[in-house]
Amino acid sequence: MTIQTQMFTIRVRVEDWELGRLDHWQGPNGCRVCNVSYARMSDTSDVHVYADAEVGRLRCCGCMADFSTTAGMIEHLREHITNGEVVPDTTIPTLEADQAENDAWMATI
């Protein structure tokens, strides 16, 4: 699925749209911007991880850490796990599945 904004086009997976994993906010010049959330803080997650469409990076919100590669984010999440923090079981496999597309997108920003 492609979402066209006033400034740029964002590709999102239909399942992300349907599962409500997209965060929306008003971006520059009034355009609507979408982020794909890989994990959100909750009773079952100690991390909030998303692809930040505004800066073109993967972001660990609690740490305010940005990553320009998916491998960097995955390594960071494994550190969270090592430290006893809860990372949802689907987060790392979903990042791995999206790795080629995410890394290609981040390389253009």
N, C-alpha and C. Protein backbone atom coordinates (compact mmCIF):
# COMPACT_ATOMS: atom_id res chain seq x y z
N MET A 1 0.86 -1.16 0.00
CA MET A 1 0.00 0.00 0.00
C MET A 1 0.90 1.22 0.00
N THR A 2 0.54 2.24 -0.73
CA THR A 2 1.30 3.48 -0.78
C THR A 2 0.44 4.60 -0.24
N ILE A 3 1.02 5.39 0.66
CA ILE A 3 0.34 6.56 1.20
C ILE A 3 1.05 7.78 0.64
N GLN A 4 0.34 8.63 -0.06
CA GLN A 4 0.93 9.82 -0.66
C GLN A 4 0.67 11.01 0.27
N THR A 5 1.72 11.70 0.66
CA THR A 5 1.58 12.94 1.43
C THR A 5 1.95 14.09 0.51
N GLN A 6 1.89 15.29 1.05
CA GLN A 6 2.25 16.46 0.25
C GLN A 6 3.74 16.50 -0.06
N MET A 7 4.54 15.87 0.80
CA MET A 7 5.99 15.98 0.64
C MET A 7 6.64 14.72 0.07
N PHE A 8 6.10 13.55 0.39
CA PHE A 8 6.75 12.33 -0.05
C PHE A 8 5.76 11.18 0.00
N THR A 9 6.18 10.05 -0.55
CA THR A 9 5.36 8.84 -0.57
C THR A 9 5.91 7.86 0.45
N ILE A 10 5.02 7.25 1.21
CA ILE A 10 5.42 6.26 2.21
C ILE A 10 4.81 4.93 1.81
N ARG A 11 5.65 3.89 1.74
CA ARG A 11 5.12 2.55 1.48
C ARG A 11 4.88 1.87 2.81
N VAL A 12 3.70 1.33 2.99
CA VAL A 12 3.39 0.58 4.20
C VAL A 12 2.81 -0.77 3.81
N ARG A 13 3.01 -1.74 4.68
CA ARG A 13 2.42 -3.05 4.43
C ARG A 13 0.95 -3.00 4.83
N VAL A 14 0.12 -3.65 4.07
CA VAL A 14 -1.32 -3.64 4.34
C VAL A 14 -1.60 -4.16 5.74
N GLU A 15 -0.86 -5.21 6.18
CA GLU A 15 -1.11 -5.74 7.51
C GLU A 15 -0.78 -4.74 8.61
N ASP A 16 0.22 -3.88 8.40
CA ASP A 16 0.51 -2.83 9.38
C ASP A 16 -0.66 -1.88 9.49
N TRP A 17 -1.23 -1.53 8.34
CA TRP A 17 -2.37 -0.62 8.31
C TRP A 17 -3.56 -1.25 9.04
N GLU A 18 -3.84 -2.51 8.71
CA GLU A 18 -4.99 -3.20 9.29
C GLU A 18 -4.82 -3.49 10.77
N LEU A 19 -3.60 -3.76 11.23
CA LEU A 19 -3.36 -4.07 12.64
C LEU A 19 -3.20 -2.81 13.48
N GLY A 20 -3.30 -1.66 12.88
CA GLY A 20 -3.18 -0.42 13.64
C GLY A 20 -1.78 -0.14 14.14
N ARG A 21 -0.77 -0.64 13.43
CA ARG A 21 0.60 -0.42 13.85
C ARG A 21 1.19 0.87 13.30
N LEU A 22 0.36 1.72 12.74
CA LEU A 22 0.85 2.97 12.20
C LEU A 22 0.50 4.11 13.14
N ASP A 23 1.47 4.95 13.43
CA ASP A 23 1.24 6.17 14.21
C ASP A 23 1.16 7.32 13.23
N HIS A 24 0.22 8.23 13.44
CA HIS A 24 0.04 9.37 12.55
C HIS A 24 0.24 10.66 13.32
N TRP A 25 0.80 11.65 12.67
CA TRP A 25 0.88 12.98 13.23
C TRP A 25 0.99 13.98 12.10
N GLN A 26 0.81 15.23 12.44
CA GLN A 26 0.88 16.29 11.44
C GLN A 26 2.35 16.66 11.23
N GLY A 27 2.82 16.47 10.04
CA GLY A 27 4.22 16.73 9.74
C GLY A 27 4.43 18.13 9.19
N PRO A 28 5.63 18.39 8.66
CA PRO A 28 5.94 19.70 8.10
C PRO A 28 4.97 20.09 6.99
N ASN A 29 4.68 21.34 6.89
CA ASN A 29 3.78 21.87 5.85
C ASN A 29 2.39 21.24 5.88
N GLY A 30 1.99 20.73 7.05
CA GLY A 30 0.65 20.19 7.20
C GLY A 30 0.44 18.81 6.63
N CYS A 31 1.51 18.14 6.17
CA CYS A 31 1.32 16.80 5.60
C CYS A 31 1.13 15.79 6.73
N ARG A 32 0.48 14.70 6.41
CA ARG A 32 0.27 13.64 7.39
C ARG A 32 1.41 12.64 7.25
N VAL A 33 2.05 12.31 8.36
CA VAL A 33 3.21 11.43 8.36
C VAL A 33 2.84 10.14 9.09
N CYS A 34 3.35 9.01 8.63
CA CYS A 34 3.09 7.71 9.25
C CYS A 34 4.39 7.07 9.70
N ASN A 35 4.34 6.44 10.87
CA ASN A 35 5.43 5.61 11.36
C ASN A 35 4.92 4.20 11.51
N VAL A 36 5.74 3.22 11.18
CA VAL A 36 5.39 1.83 11.44
C VAL A 36 5.97 1.45 12.79
N SER A 37 5.11 1.01 13.71
CA SER A 37 5.55 0.56 15.04
C SER A 37 5.83 -0.93 15.02
N TYR A 38 7.01 -1.29 15.46
CA TYR A 38 7.36 -2.70 15.58
C TYR A 38 7.05 -3.23 16.97
N ALA A 39 7.03 -2.35 17.96
CA ALA A 39 6.66 -2.70 19.34
C ALA A 39 6.24 -1.41 20.03
N ARG A 40 5.27 -1.52 20.91
CA ARG A 40 4.82 -0.37 21.68
C ARG A 40 4.89 -0.69 23.17
N MET A 41 5.22 0.30 23.97
CA MET A 41 5.26 0.12 25.42
C MET A 41 3.89 -0.35 25.90
N SER A 42 3.89 -1.40 26.71
CA SER A 42 2.63 -1.94 27.22
C SER A 42 2.97 -2.90 28.36
N ASP A 43 1.95 -3.61 28.82
CA ASP A 43 2.18 -4.62 29.85
C ASP A 43 3.04 -5.77 29.34
N THR A 44 3.09 -5.93 28.02
CA THR A 44 3.86 -7.04 27.43
C THR A 44 5.08 -6.56 26.64
N SER A 45 5.45 -5.29 26.80
CA SER A 45 6.61 -4.76 26.08
C SER A 45 7.25 -3.63 26.87
N ASP A 46 8.56 -3.71 27.02
CA ASP A 46 9.32 -2.64 27.68
C ASP A 46 9.94 -1.68 26.67
N VAL A 47 9.66 -1.87 25.39
CA VAL A 47 10.25 -1.03 24.34
C VAL A 47 9.17 -0.49 23.42
N HIS A 48 9.48 0.64 22.81
CA HIS A 48 8.65 1.21 21.73
C HIS A 48 9.60 1.43 20.57
N VAL A 49 9.44 0.63 19.54
CA VAL A 49 10.33 0.65 18.38
C VAL A 49 9.51 0.99 17.14
N TYR A 50 9.98 1.97 16.37
CA TYR A 50 9.25 2.32 15.15
C TYR A 50 10.19 2.87 14.09
N ALA A 51 9.72 2.81 12.84
CA ALA A 51 10.42 3.43 11.72
C ALA A 51 9.94 4.87 11.65
N ASP A 52 10.83 5.80 11.93
CA ASP A 52 10.49 7.22 11.98
C ASP A 52 10.55 7.81 10.58
N ALA A 53 9.39 8.05 10.00
CA ALA A 53 9.31 8.55 8.62
C ALA A 53 9.84 9.96 8.48
N GLU A 54 9.84 10.72 9.57
CA GLU A 54 10.29 12.11 9.50
C GLU A 54 11.81 12.20 9.35
N VAL A 55 12.54 11.32 10.02
CA VAL A 55 14.01 11.38 9.96
C VAL A 55 14.62 10.21 9.20
N GLY A 56 13.80 9.22 8.82
CA GLY A 56 14.31 8.10 8.05
C GLY A 56 15.22 7.18 8.82
N ARG A 57 14.86 6.91 10.06
CA ARG A 57 15.65 6.03 10.92
C ARG A 57 14.72 5.12 11.71
N LEU A 58 15.27 4.01 12.20
CA LEU A 58 14.56 3.19 13.17
C LEU A 58 14.85 3.78 14.54
N ARG A 59 13.84 3.91 15.36
CA ARG A 59 14.00 4.59 16.65
C ARG A 59 13.52 3.70 17.79
N CYS A 60 14.32 3.65 18.85
CA CYS A 60 13.93 3.04 20.12
C CYS A 60 13.52 4.21 21.00
N CYS A 61 12.23 4.38 21.17
CA CYS A 61 11.69 5.58 21.78
C CYS A 61 12.14 5.77 23.23
N GLY A 62 12.12 4.70 24.02
CA GLY A 62 12.51 4.82 25.43
C GLY A 62 13.94 5.28 25.60
N CYS A 63 14.81 4.83 24.72
CA CYS A 63 16.24 5.19 24.77
C CYS A 63 16.52 6.46 23.98
N MET A 64 15.58 6.85 23.13
CA MET A 64 15.79 7.94 22.18
C MET A 64 17.02 7.66 21.31
N ALA A 65 17.20 6.37 20.96
CA ALA A 65 18.31 5.95 20.11
C ALA A 65 17.79 5.76 18.68
N ASP A 66 18.54 6.27 17.71
CA ASP A 66 18.20 6.14 16.30
C ASP A 66 19.21 5.23 15.62
N PHE A 67 18.73 4.43 14.66
CA PHE A 67 19.59 3.51 13.93
C PHE A 67 19.36 3.66 12.45
N SER A 68 20.44 3.69 11.68
CA SER A 68 20.35 3.83 10.23
C SER A 68 20.38 2.49 9.53
N THR A 69 20.48 1.39 10.31
CA THR A 69 20.41 0.04 9.75
C THR A 69 19.52 -0.81 10.64
N THR A 70 18.87 -1.77 10.03
CA THR A 70 18.02 -2.69 10.78
C THR A 70 18.88 -3.56 11.69
N ALA A 71 20.05 -3.97 11.23
CA ALA A 71 20.94 -4.79 12.05
C ALA A 71 21.32 -4.07 13.34
N GLY A 72 21.54 -2.77 13.24
CA GLY A 72 21.86 -1.98 14.43
C GLY A 72 20.72 -1.99 15.44
N MET A 73 19.49 -1.88 14.95
CA MET A 73 18.33 -1.91 15.84
C MET A 73 18.17 -3.29 16.47
N ILE A 74 18.35 -4.33 15.67
CA ILE A 74 18.21 -5.69 16.20
C ILE A 74 19.25 -5.94 17.29
N GLU A 75 20.49 -5.52 17.07
CA GLU A 75 21.53 -5.66 18.09
C GLU A 75 21.14 -4.90 19.36
N HIS A 76 20.60 -3.70 19.19
CA HIS A 76 20.16 -2.90 20.33
C HIS A 76 19.05 -3.61 21.11
N LEU A 77 18.10 -4.19 20.39
CA LEU A 77 17.00 -4.91 21.06
C LEU A 77 17.51 -6.14 21.80
N ARG A 78 18.51 -6.80 21.26
CA ARG A 78 19.10 -7.95 21.96
C ARG A 78 19.77 -7.50 23.26
N GLU A 79 20.31 -6.28 23.29
CA GLU A 79 20.85 -5.73 24.54
C GLU A 79 19.74 -5.51 25.56
N HIS A 80 18.58 -5.02 25.10
CA HIS A 80 17.43 -4.88 25.99
C HIS A 80 17.07 -6.24 26.60
N ILE A 81 17.03 -7.28 25.76
CA ILE A 81 16.68 -8.62 26.23
C ILE A 81 17.71 -9.11 27.24
N THR A 82 18.99 -8.91 26.94
CA THR A 82 20.07 -9.31 27.85
C THR A 82 19.93 -8.61 29.20
N ASN A 83 19.43 -7.38 29.18
CA ASN A 83 19.25 -6.61 30.41
C ASN A 83 17.95 -6.96 31.14
N GLY A 84 17.25 -8.00 30.64
CA GLY A 84 16.05 -8.46 31.32
C GLY A 84 14.78 -7.73 30.94
N GLU A 85 14.85 -6.90 29.91
CA GLU A 85 13.67 -6.16 29.47
C GLU A 85 12.88 -7.01 28.47
N VAL A 86 11.58 -6.76 28.40
CA VAL A 86 10.69 -7.55 27.54
C VAL A 86 10.60 -6.90 26.17
N VAL A 87 10.98 -7.67 25.16
CA VAL A 87 10.81 -7.29 23.75
C VAL A 87 9.85 -8.33 23.17
N PRO A 88 8.72 -7.90 22.60
CA PRO A 88 7.76 -8.87 22.06
C PRO A 88 8.42 -9.86 21.10
N ASP A 89 7.95 -11.11 21.14
CA ASP A 89 8.52 -12.19 20.33
C ASP A 89 8.48 -11.90 18.83
N THR A 90 7.54 -11.08 18.39
CA THR A 90 7.39 -10.81 16.96
C THR A 90 8.27 -9.66 16.47
N THR A 91 8.84 -8.89 17.37
CA THR A 91 9.54 -7.66 16.98
C THR A 91 10.77 -7.94 16.12
N ILE A 92 11.68 -8.76 16.60
CA ILE A 92 12.92 -9.02 15.85
C ILE A 92 12.63 -9.76 14.54
N PRO A 93 11.78 -10.82 14.53
CA PRO A 93 11.48 -11.46 13.24
C PRO A 93 10.83 -10.50 12.23
N THR A 94 9.99 -9.61 12.69
CA THR A 94 9.36 -8.65 11.77
C THR A 94 10.39 -7.68 11.23
N LEU A 95 11.30 -7.21 12.07
CA LEU A 95 12.38 -6.34 11.61
C LEU A 95 13.25 -7.07 10.59
N GLU A 96 13.56 -8.34 10.86
CA GLU A 96 14.37 -9.12 9.92
C GLU A 96 13.66 -9.26 8.58
N ALA A 97 12.36 -9.48 8.61
CA ALA A 97 11.60 -9.61 7.37
C ALA A 97 11.58 -8.30 6.58
N ASP A 98 11.61 -7.19 7.27
CA ASP A 98 11.57 -5.87 6.64
C ASP A 98 12.95 -5.29 6.36
N GLN A 99 14.01 -6.02 6.72
CA GLN A 99 15.36 -5.46 6.70
C GLN A 99 15.77 -4.89 5.35
N ALA A 100 15.63 -5.63 4.29
CA ALA A 100 16.08 -5.15 2.97
C ALA A 100 15.34 -3.87 2.58
N GLU A 101 14.02 -3.88 2.76
CA GLU A 101 13.24 -2.70 2.38
C GLU A 101 13.56 -1.50 3.29
N ASN A 102 13.65 -1.75 4.60
CA ASN A 102 13.97 -0.65 5.52
C ASN A 102 15.34 -0.05 5.24
N ASP A 103 16.34 -0.92 5.07
CA ASP A 103 17.70 -0.42 4.85
C ASP A 103 17.81 0.36 3.54
N ALA A 104 17.13 -0.12 2.50
CA ALA A 104 17.13 0.61 1.22
C ALA A 104 16.46 1.97 1.38
N TRP A 105 15.36 2.01 2.11
CA TRP A 105 14.65 3.28 2.35
C TRP A 105 15.52 4.24 3.16
N MET A 106 16.12 3.75 4.25
CA MET A 106 16.94 4.64 5.10
C MET A 106 18.16 5.16 4.36
N ALA A 107 18.69 4.39 3.42
CA ALA A 107 19.86 4.82 2.65
C ALA A 107 19.55 6.00 1.73
N THR A 108 18.27 6.22 1.43
CA THR A 108 17.89 7.31 0.54
C THR A 108 17.58 8.60 1.28
N ILE A 109 17.55 8.55 2.60
CA ILE A 109 17.16 9.74 3.37
C ILE A 109 18.36 10.37 4.04
